[in-house]
């Protein structure tokens, strides 16, 4: 009985904190949004200005709340840690996973989606036909800090896994024969292949590993919960009005149905 009363008291306390931070949103402040370089989602132009779907969506979503947004590109693991520790307000673009659900609060609405695929040299392209058992003992590159969906997670223990720090490093490992397959997504990988002059050598293999939706994520605290609630309302408005789909079309990014 005493434990139940204590739980109710804690919930009331959390509710009061959320209400407090919701009232504070009306005053407006500069929000720090962090992520890594995600082509067409968050990237930087020649003048070092942030651009992309996430930038356009967030700027529109926070405007009715009186906020502004400052964008920073960081190594992906560091960006996640900053939001997890409450040192930044918004994490741009993470896919959901059980581990991340425990570390972050996620927006209700995803704002883009990716097809995750394997890349391979022509000599090893036949390794992937959709049969995970056939990959047992094969060397696979998984980009550090990425999540690839339940099918790959179930097969993880049977794979020989390397963790390149980014897509470019993974492609170099593929070039030098250090891995046989690289798991990535087409949106991130296509511009890197072009920059490295490897577009004709490495093609995405079918079928896709998974289709993953990307979200905004927030610290697991009262301020993060208040910001999530406020942005969820703004994001719903952008989706219902067709603005989100129009922006996604402009940037060539897929939006979940």
C-alpha atoms as a PDB file:
ATOM      1  CA  UNK A   1       0.000   0.000   0.000  1.00  0.00           C
ATOM      2  CA  UNK A   2       2.796   2.373   0.931  1.00  0.00           C
ATOM      3  CA  UNK A   3       4.651   1.466  -2.280  1.00  0.00           C
ATOM      4  CA  UNK A   4       1.536   2.270  -4.352  1.00  0.00           C
ATOM      5  CA  UNK A   5       1.201   5.664  -2.677  1.00  0.00           C
ATOM      6  CA  UNK A   6       4.861   6.381  -3.308  1.00  0.00           C
ATOM      7  CA  UNK A   7       4.492   5.463  -6.989  1.00  0.00           C
ATOM      8  CA  UNK A   8       1.495   7.779  -7.318  1.00  0.00           C
ATOM      9  CA  UNK A   9       3.439  10.559  -5.634  1.00  0.00           C
ATOM     10  CA  UNK A  10       6.328  10.128  -8.063  1.00  0.00           C
ATOM     11  CA  UNK A  11       3.955  10.182 -11.039  1.00  0.00           C
ATOM     12  CA  UNK A  12       2.354  13.393  -9.753  1.00  0.00           C
ATOM     13  CA  UNK A  13       5.821  14.879  -9.327  1.00  0.00           C
ATOM     14  CA  UNK A  14       6.805  13.932 -12.869  1.00  0.00           C
ATOM     15  CA  UNK A  15       3.520  15.326 -14.163  1.00  0.00           C
ATOM     16  CA  UNK A  16       4.190  18.641 -12.446  1.00  0.00           C
ATOM     17  CA  UNK A  17       7.677  18.782 -13.939  1.00  0.00           C
ATOM     18  CA  UNK A  18       6.331  18.103 -17.427  1.00  0.00           C
ATOM     19  CA  UNK A  19       3.706  20.826 -16.974  1.00  0.00           C
ATOM     20  CA  UNK A  20       6.445  23.203 -15.852  1.00  0.00           C
ATOM     21  CA  UNK A  21       8.558  22.538 -18.913  1.00  0.00           C
ATOM     22  CA  UNK A  22       5.544  22.733 -21.204  1.00  0.00           C
ATOM     23  CA  UNK A  23       4.871  26.223 -19.832  1.00  0.00           C
ATOM     24  CA  UNK A  24       8.526  27.085 -20.414  1.00  0.00           C
ATOM     25  CA  UNK A  25       8.236  26.169 -24.098  1.00  0.00           C
ATOM     26  CA  UNK A  26       6.013  29.189 -24.578  1.00  0.00           C
ATOM     27  CA  UNK A  27       9.007  31.415 -23.729  1.00  0.00           C
ATOM     28  CA  UNK A  28      11.126  29.961 -26.527  1.00  0.00           C
ATOM     29  CA  UNK A  29      14.816  29.058 -26.485  1.00  0.00           C
ATOM     30  CA  UNK A  30      17.591  27.821 -28.744  1.00  0.00           C
ATOM     31  CA  UNK A  31      17.462  24.030 -29.032  1.00  0.00           C
ATOM     32  CA  UNK A  32      20.579  21.997 -29.785  1.00  0.00           C
ATOM     33  CA  UNK A  33      19.924  19.262 -32.371  1.00  0.00           C
ATOM     34  CA  UNK A  34      22.777  16.826 -32.997  1.00  0.00           C
ATOM     35  CA  UNK A  35      23.429  14.004 -35.395  1.00  0.00           C
ATOM     36  CA  UNK A  36      25.986  12.876 -37.906  1.00  0.00           C
ATOM     37  CA  UNK A  37      26.121  13.629 -41.616  1.00  0.00           C
ATOM     38  CA  UNK A  38      23.029  11.973 -43.119  1.00  0.00           C
ATOM     39  CA  UNK A  39      22.832  12.776 -46.852  1.00  0.00           C
ATOM     40  CA  UNK A  40      19.619  14.630 -47.683  1.00  0.00           C
ATOM     41  CA  UNK A  41      18.480  14.374 -44.034  1.00  0.00           C
ATOM     42  CA  UNK A  42      21.143  16.540 -42.364  1.00  0.00           C
ATOM     43  CA  UNK A  43      24.159  17.731 -44.306  1.00  0.00           C
ATOM     44  CA  UNK A  44      26.262  20.868 -44.648  1.00  0.00           C
ATOM     45  CA  UNK A  45      26.664  23.199 -47.633  1.00  0.00           C
ATOM     46  CA  UNK A  46      29.788  25.059 -48.795  1.00  0.00           C
ATOM     47  CA  UNK A  47      29.089  27.833 -46.284  1.00  0.00           C
ATOM     48  CA  UNK A  48      28.866  25.293 -43.433  1.00  0.00           C
ATOM     49  CA  UNK A  49      25.122  25.814 -43.111  1.00  0.00           C
ATOM     50  CA  UNK A  50      22.962  22.847 -42.106  1.00  0.00           C
ATOM     51  CA  UNK A  51      20.478  21.677 -44.733  1.00  0.00           C
ATOM     52  CA  UNK A  52      18.302  18.665 -45.444  1.00  0.00           C
ATOM     53  CA  UNK A  53      14.910  17.215 -44.622  1.00  0.00           C
ATOM     54  CA  UNK A  54      15.465  17.152 -40.840  1.00  0.00           C
ATOM     55  CA  UNK A  55      16.600  20.792 -40.871  1.00  0.00           C
ATOM     56  CA  UNK A  56      13.541  21.963 -42.809  1.00  0.00           C
ATOM     57  CA  UNK A  57      11.139  19.872 -40.737  1.00  0.00           C
ATOM     58  CA  UNK A  58      12.553  20.922 -37.361  1.00  0.00           C
ATOM     59  CA  UNK A  59      12.699  24.599 -38.249  1.00  0.00           C
ATOM     60  CA  UNK A  60       9.032  24.497 -39.250  1.00  0.00           C
ATOM     61  CA  UNK A  61       8.029  22.373 -36.240  1.00  0.00           C
ATOM     62  CA  UNK A  62       9.613  24.622 -33.603  1.00  0.00           C
ATOM     63  CA  UNK A  63       8.508  27.943 -35.094  1.00  0.00           C
ATOM     64  CA  UNK A  64       4.993  27.826 -33.546  1.00  0.00           C
ATOM     65  CA  UNK A  65       6.636  27.041 -30.179  1.00  0.00           C
ATOM     66  CA  UNK A  66       8.819  30.134 -30.314  1.00  0.00           C
ATOM     67  CA  UNK A  67      12.052  28.131 -30.439  1.00  0.00           C
ATOM     68  CA  UNK A  68      15.032  28.202 -32.771  1.00  0.00           C
ATOM     69  CA  UNK A  69      17.377  25.301 -33.556  1.00  0.00           C
ATOM     70  CA  UNK A  70      21.163  25.075 -33.696  1.00  0.00           C
ATOM     71  CA  UNK A  71      22.434  22.046 -35.617  1.00  0.00           C
ATOM     72  CA  UNK A  72      25.724  20.248 -34.945  1.00  0.00           C
ATOM     73  CA  UNK A  73      27.280  17.282 -36.754  1.00  0.00           C
ATOM     74  CA  UNK A  74      29.214  14.888 -34.519  1.00  0.00           C
ATOM     75  CA  UNK A  75      30.407  11.279 -34.610  1.00  0.00           C
ATOM     76  CA  UNK A  76      27.221   9.240 -34.300  1.00  0.00           C
ATOM     77  CA  UNK A  77      28.129   7.585 -30.998  1.00  0.00           C
ATOM     78  CA  UNK A  78      28.980  10.955 -29.439  1.00  0.00           C
ATOM     79  CA  UNK A  79      25.754  12.561 -30.685  1.00  0.00           C
ATOM     80  CA  UNK A  80      23.742   9.760 -29.065  1.00  0.00           C
ATOM     81  CA  UNK A  81      25.634  10.114 -25.793  1.00  0.00           C
ATOM     82  CA  UNK A  82      25.049  13.880 -25.658  1.00  0.00           C
ATOM     83  CA  UNK A  83      21.300  13.443 -25.943  1.00  0.00           C
ATOM     84  CA  UNK A  84      21.254  10.506 -23.562  1.00  0.00           C
ATOM     85  CA  UNK A  85      23.054  12.631 -20.951  1.00  0.00           C
ATOM     86  CA  UNK A  86      20.845  15.681 -21.549  1.00  0.00           C
ATOM     87  CA  UNK A  87      23.652  17.761 -23.082  1.00  0.00           C
ATOM     88  CA  UNK A  88      21.659  18.202 -26.304  1.00  0.00           C
ATOM     89  CA  UNK A  89      17.912  18.500 -26.879  1.00  0.00           C
ATOM     90  CA  UNK A  90      17.267  16.470 -30.033  1.00  0.00           C
ATOM     91  CA  UNK A  91      18.930  13.501 -31.738  1.00  0.00           C
ATOM     92  CA  UNK A  92      18.330  13.575 -35.473  1.00  0.00           C
ATOM     93  CA  UNK A  93      17.323  10.485 -37.369  1.00  0.00           C
ATOM     94  CA  UNK A  94      17.813   7.402 -35.152  1.00  0.00           C
ATOM     95  CA  UNK A  95      16.069   4.165 -35.998  1.00  0.00           C
ATOM     96  CA  UNK A  96      14.228   2.562 -33.084  1.00  0.00           C
ATOM     97  CA  UNK A  97      15.537  -0.490 -31.250  1.00  0.00           C
ATOM     98  CA  UNK A  98      14.908  -1.953 -27.771  1.00  0.00           C
ATOM     99  CA  UNK A  99      18.274  -0.641 -26.595  1.00  0.00           C
ATOM    100  CA  UNK A 100      17.545   2.874 -27.836  1.00  0.00           C
ATOM    101  CA  UNK A 101      14.030   2.817 -26.413  1.00  0.00           C
ATOM    102  CA  UNK A 102      15.638   2.403 -22.994  1.00  0.00           C
ATOM    103  CA  UNK A 103      17.999   5.341 -23.589  1.00  0.00           C
ATOM    104  CA  UNK A 104      15.817   7.904 -25.386  1.00  0.00           C
ATOM    105  CA  UNK A 105      12.303   9.220 -25.790  1.00  0.00           C
ATOM    106  CA  UNK A 106      11.214   8.933 -29.426  1.00  0.00           C
ATOM    107  CA  UNK A 107       8.892  11.168 -31.393  1.00  0.00           C
ATOM    108  CA  UNK A 108       5.558   9.518 -32.095  1.00  0.00           C
ATOM    109  CA  UNK A 109       5.926  10.244 -35.798  1.00  0.00           C
ATOM    110  CA  UNK A 110       8.795   8.995 -37.977  1.00  0.00           C
ATOM    111  CA  UNK A 111       9.826  11.554 -40.588  1.00  0.00           C
ATOM    112  CA  UNK A 112      11.737   9.372 -43.073  1.00  0.00           C
ATOM    113  CA  UNK A 113      12.589   5.757 -43.840  1.00  0.00           C
ATOM    114  CA  UNK A 114      15.492   3.858 -45.369  1.00  0.00           C
ATOM    115  CA  UNK A 115      15.981   0.532 -47.075  1.00  0.00           C
ATOM    116  CA  UNK A 116      18.920  -1.262 -45.437  1.00  0.00           C
ATOM    117  CA  UNK A 117      20.860  -3.424 -47.868  1.00  0.00           C
ATOM    118  CA  UNK A 118      24.075  -5.355 -48.315  1.00  0.00           C
ATOM    119  CA  UNK A 119      26.870  -4.151 -50.597  1.00  0.00           C
ATOM    120  CA  UNK A 120      29.444  -6.547 -52.027  1.00  0.00           C
ATOM    121  CA  UNK A 121      32.044  -6.864 -54.760  1.00  0.00           C
ATOM    122  CA  UNK A 122      30.911  -8.673 -57.923  1.00  0.00           C
ATOM    123  CA  UNK A 123      32.876 -11.734 -56.726  1.00  0.00           C
ATOM    124  CA  UNK A 124      30.877 -12.034 -53.504  1.00  0.00           C
ATOM    125  CA  UNK A 125      27.516 -10.563 -54.596  1.00  0.00           C
ATOM    126  CA  UNK A 126      26.043 -14.070 -54.813  1.00  0.00           C
ATOM    127  CA  UNK A 127      26.446 -14.585 -51.075  1.00  0.00           C
ATOM    128  CA  UNK A 128      23.184 -12.795 -50.286  1.00  0.00           C
ATOM    129  CA  UNK A 129      19.918 -14.256 -51.557  1.00  0.00           C
ATOM    130  CA  UNK A 130      17.818 -13.517 -48.495  1.00  0.00           C
ATOM    131  CA  UNK A 131      18.905 -16.691 -46.681  1.00  0.00           C
ATOM    132  CA  UNK A 132      20.536 -15.774 -43.372  1.00  0.00           C
ATOM    133  CA  UNK A 133      21.689 -19.334 -42.703  1.00  0.00           C
ATOM    134  CA  UNK A 134      23.777 -19.196 -45.868  1.00  0.00           C
ATOM    135  CA  UNK A 135      25.734 -16.280 -44.357  1.00  0.00           C
ATOM    136  CA  UNK A 136      26.889 -18.291 -41.337  1.00  0.00           C
ATOM    137  CA  UNK A 137      30.604 -17.659 -40.783  1.00  0.00           C
ATOM    138  CA  UNK A 138      30.767 -14.874 -43.370  1.00  0.00           C
ATOM    139  CA  UNK A 139      32.461 -11.536 -42.627  1.00  0.00           C
ATOM    140  CA  UNK A 140      30.037  -8.624 -42.467  1.00  0.00           C
ATOM    141  CA  UNK A 141      30.623  -4.931 -41.792  1.00  0.00           C
ATOM    142  CA  UNK A 142      28.086  -3.149 -39.581  1.00  0.00           C
ATOM    143  CA  UNK A 143      28.592   0.607 -39.218  1.00  0.00           C
ATOM    144  CA  UNK A 144      29.362   1.489 -35.607  1.00  0.00           C
ATOM    145  CA  UNK A 145      26.313   2.731 -33.705  1.00  0.00           C
ATOM    146  CA  UNK A 146      23.772   1.730 -36.377  1.00  0.00           C
ATOM    147  CA  UNK A 147      20.844  -0.609 -35.835  1.00  0.00           C
ATOM    148  CA  UNK A 148      19.744  -2.968 -38.590  1.00  0.00           C
ATOM    149  CA  UNK A 149      16.464  -4.521 -37.535  1.00  0.00           C
ATOM    150  CA  UNK A 150      15.387  -7.817 -35.957  1.00  0.00           C
ATOM    151  CA  UNK A 151      16.372 -10.189 -38.779  1.00  0.00           C
ATOM    152  CA  UNK A 152      20.033  -9.210 -38.675  1.00  0.00           C
ATOM    153  CA  UNK A 153      20.037  -9.133 -34.876  1.00  0.00           C
ATOM    154  CA  UNK A 154      18.834 -12.726 -34.813  1.00  0.00           C
ATOM    155  CA  UNK A 155      21.595 -13.744 -37.235  1.00  0.00           C
ATOM    156  CA  UNK A 156      24.325 -11.672 -35.516  1.00  0.00           C
ATOM    157  CA  UNK A 157      25.841 -14.531 -33.482  1.00  0.00           C
ATOM    158  CA  UNK A 158      26.483 -16.594 -36.633  1.00  0.00           C
ATOM    159  CA  UNK A 159      28.301 -13.768 -38.473  1.00  0.00           C
ATOM    160  CA  UNK A 160      31.915 -12.592 -38.266  1.00  0.00           C
ATOM    161  CA  UNK A 161      31.294  -8.920 -37.583  1.00  0.00           C
ATOM    162  CA  UNK A 162      33.514  -5.880 -38.054  1.00  0.00           C
ATOM    163  CA  UNK A 163      32.387  -2.379 -37.066  1.00  0.00           C
ATOM    164  CA  UNK A 164      33.689   0.360 -39.371  1.00  0.00           C
ATOM    165  CA  UNK A 165      33.259   3.852 -37.959  1.00  0.00           C
ATOM    166  CA  UNK A 166      31.444   5.132 -41.056  1.00  0.00           C
ATOM    167  CA  UNK A 167      30.268   4.106 -44.514  1.00  0.00           C
ATOM    168  CA  UNK A 168      33.469   5.214 -46.256  1.00  0.00           C
ATOM    169  CA  UNK A 169      35.595   3.075 -43.939  1.00  0.00           C
ATOM    170  CA  UNK A 170      33.274   0.135 -44.548  1.00  0.00           C
ATOM    171  CA  UNK A 171      33.618   0.501 -48.301  1.00  0.00           C
ATOM    172  CA  UNK A 172      37.417   0.605 -48.009  1.00  0.00           C
ATOM    173  CA  UNK A 173      37.272  -2.594 -45.944  1.00  0.00           C
ATOM    174  CA  UNK A 174      35.164  -4.122 -48.718  1.00  0.00           C
ATOM    175  CA  UNK A 175      37.729  -2.977 -51.313  1.00  0.00           C
ATOM    176  CA  UNK A 176      40.620  -4.546 -49.439  1.00  0.00           C
ATOM    177  CA  UNK A 177      38.819  -7.830 -48.797  1.00  0.00           C
ATOM    178  CA  UNK A 178      38.642  -7.379 -45.029  1.00  0.00           C
ATOM    179  CA  UNK A 179      34.860  -7.988 -45.158  1.00  0.00           C
ATOM    180  CA  UNK A 180      32.684  -9.787 -47.701  1.00  0.00           C
ATOM    181  CA  UNK A 181      29.505  -7.761 -47.188  1.00  0.00           C
ATOM    182  CA  UNK A 182      28.797  -4.248 -45.911  1.00  0.00           C
ATOM    183  CA  UNK A 183      25.377  -3.509 -44.408  1.00  0.00           C
ATOM    184  CA  UNK A 184      24.308   0.063 -45.013  1.00  0.00           C
ATOM    185  CA  UNK A 185      21.463   2.071 -46.519  1.00  0.00           C
ATOM    186  CA  UNK A 186      21.203   3.381 -50.052  1.00  0.00           C
ATOM    187  CA  UNK A 187      20.671   7.027 -49.061  1.00  0.00           C
ATOM    188  CA  UNK A 188      23.901   7.190 -47.052  1.00  0.00           C
ATOM    189  CA  UNK A 189      25.965   4.987 -49.331  1.00  0.00           C
ATOM    190  CA  UNK A 190      25.217   6.296 -52.850  1.00  0.00           C
ATOM    191  CA  UNK A 191      26.979   9.682 -52.422  1.00  0.00           C
ATOM    192  CA  UNK A 192      29.999   8.025 -50.741  1.00  0.00           C
ATOM    193  CA  UNK A 193      30.329   5.543 -53.607  1.00  0.00           C
ATOM    194  CA  UNK A 194      30.198   8.420 -56.078  1.00  0.00           C
ATOM    195  CA  UNK A 195      32.821  10.431 -54.169  1.00  0.00           C
ATOM    196  CA  UNK A 196      35.119   7.364 -54.033  1.00  0.00           C
ATOM    197  CA  UNK A 197      34.573   6.524 -57.704  1.00  0.00           C
ATOM    198  CA  UNK A 198      33.120   3.120 -56.839  1.00  0.00           C
ATOM    199  CA  UNK A 199      29.552   3.428 -58.126  1.00  0.00           C
ATOM    200  CA  UNK A 200      30.028   0.778 -60.825  1.00  0.00           C
ATOM    201  CA  UNK A 201      31.861  -1.645 -58.547  1.00  0.00           C
ATOM    202  CA  UNK A 202      29.455  -1.900 -55.628  1.00  0.00           C
ATOM    203  CA  UNK A 203      25.710  -2.174 -56.027  1.00  0.00           C
ATOM    204  CA  UNK A 204      22.997  -2.694 -53.402  1.00  0.00           C
ATOM    205  CA  UNK A 205      21.952  -6.324 -53.202  1.00  0.00           C
ATOM    206  CA  UNK A 206      18.355  -7.513 -53.048  1.00  0.00           C
ATOM    207  CA  UNK A 207      16.308  -8.361 -51.108  1.00  0.00           C
ATOM    208  CA  UNK A 208      16.647  -5.547 -48.566  1.00  0.00           C
ATOM    209  CA  UNK A 209      17.746  -6.478 -45.051  1.00  0.00           C
ATOM    210  CA  UNK A 210      15.008  -4.303 -43.557  1.00  0.00           C
ATOM    211  CA  UNK A 211      13.139  -1.041 -43.958  1.00  0.00           C
ATOM    212  CA  UNK A 212      13.804   1.213 -40.976  1.00  0.00           C
ATOM    213  CA  UNK A 213      11.991   4.428 -40.055  1.00  0.00           C
ATOM    214  CA  UNK A 214      13.946   7.411 -38.704  1.00  0.00           C
ATOM    215  CA  UNK A 215      12.745   9.561 -35.802  1.00  0.00           C
ATOM    216  CA  UNK A 216      13.683  12.476 -33.620  1.00  0.00           C
ATOM    217  CA  UNK A 217      14.769  11.403 -30.121  1.00  0.00           C
ATOM    218  CA  UNK A 218      15.010  13.277 -26.823  1.00  0.00           C
ATOM    219  CA  UNK A 219      16.603  12.866 -23.377  1.00  0.00           C
ATOM    220  CA  UNK A 220      14.720  10.640 -20.957  1.00  0.00           C
ATOM    221  CA  UNK A 221      13.874  13.413 -18.515  1.00  0.00           C
ATOM    222  CA  UNK A 222      10.998  15.810 -17.857  1.00  0.00           C
ATOM    223  CA  UNK A 223      12.362  18.456 -20.206  1.00  0.00           C
ATOM    224  CA  UNK A 224      12.775  15.889 -22.965  1.00  0.00           C
ATOM    225  CA  UNK A 225       9.228  14.624 -22.416  1.00  0.00           C
ATOM    226  CA  UNK A 226       7.817  18.147 -22.583  1.00  0.00           C
ATOM    227  CA  UNK A 227       9.716  18.893 -25.792  1.00  0.00           C
ATOM    228  CA  UNK A 228       8.619  15.585 -27.317  1.00  0.00           C
ATOM    229  CA  UNK A 229       4.960  16.312 -26.591  1.00  0.00           C
ATOM    230  CA  UNK A 230       5.178  19.797 -28.066  1.00  0.00           C
ATOM    231  CA  UNK A 231       7.025  18.649 -31.199  1.00  0.00           C
ATOM    232  CA  UNK A 232       4.705  15.674 -31.689  1.00  0.00           C
ATOM    233  CA  UNK A 233       1.829  18.109 -32.105  1.00  0.00           C
ATOM    234  CA  UNK A 234       3.787  20.207 -34.598  1.00  0.00           C
ATOM    235  CA  UNK A 235       4.975  17.155 -36.539  1.00  0.00           C
ATOM    236  CA  UNK A 236       1.423  15.801 -36.747  1.00  0.00           C
ATOM    237  CA  UNK A 237       0.313  19.126 -38.195  1.00  0.00           C
ATOM    238  CA  UNK A 238       3.097  19.047 -40.809  1.00  0.00           C
ATOM    239  CA  UNK A 239       2.157  15.512 -41.801  1.00  0.00           C
ATOM    240  CA  UNK A 240      -1.600  16.115 -41.929  1.00  0.00           C
ATOM    241  CA  UNK A 241      -1.174  19.267 -44.018  1.00  0.00           C
ATOM    242  CA  UNK A 242       1.037  17.478 -46.563  1.00  0.00           C
ATOM    243  CA  UNK A 243       4.043  19.695 -45.792  1.00  0.00           C
ATOM    244  CA  UNK A 244       6.178  16.758 -44.603  1.00  0.00           C
ATOM    245  CA  UNK A 245       5.543  14.796 -47.799  1.00  0.00           C
ATOM    246  CA  UNK A 246       6.278  17.852 -49.965  1.00  0.00           C
ATOM    247  CA  UNK A 247       9.576  18.476 -48.165  1.00  0.00           C
ATOM    248  CA  UNK A 248      10.543  14.811 -48.424  1.00  0.00           C
ATOM    249  CA  UNK A 249       9.839  14.886 -52.160  1.00  0.00           C
ATOM    250  CA  UNK A 250      12.047  17.956 -52.560  1.00  0.00           C
ATOM    251  CA  UNK A 251      14.938  16.194 -50.806  1.00  0.00           C
ATOM    252  CA  UNK A 252      14.389  12.802 -52.461  1.00  0.00           C
ATOM    253  CA  UNK A 253      13.771  11.029 -49.145  1.00  0.00           C
ATOM    254  CA  UNK A 254      11.163   8.356 -48.486  1.00  0.00           C
ATOM    255  CA  UNK A 255       8.407   9.065 -45.933  1.00  0.00           C
ATOM    256  CA  UNK A 256       6.648   6.229 -44.065  1.00  0.00           C
ATOM    257  CA  UNK A 257       3.028   5.613 -45.067  1.00  0.00           C
END
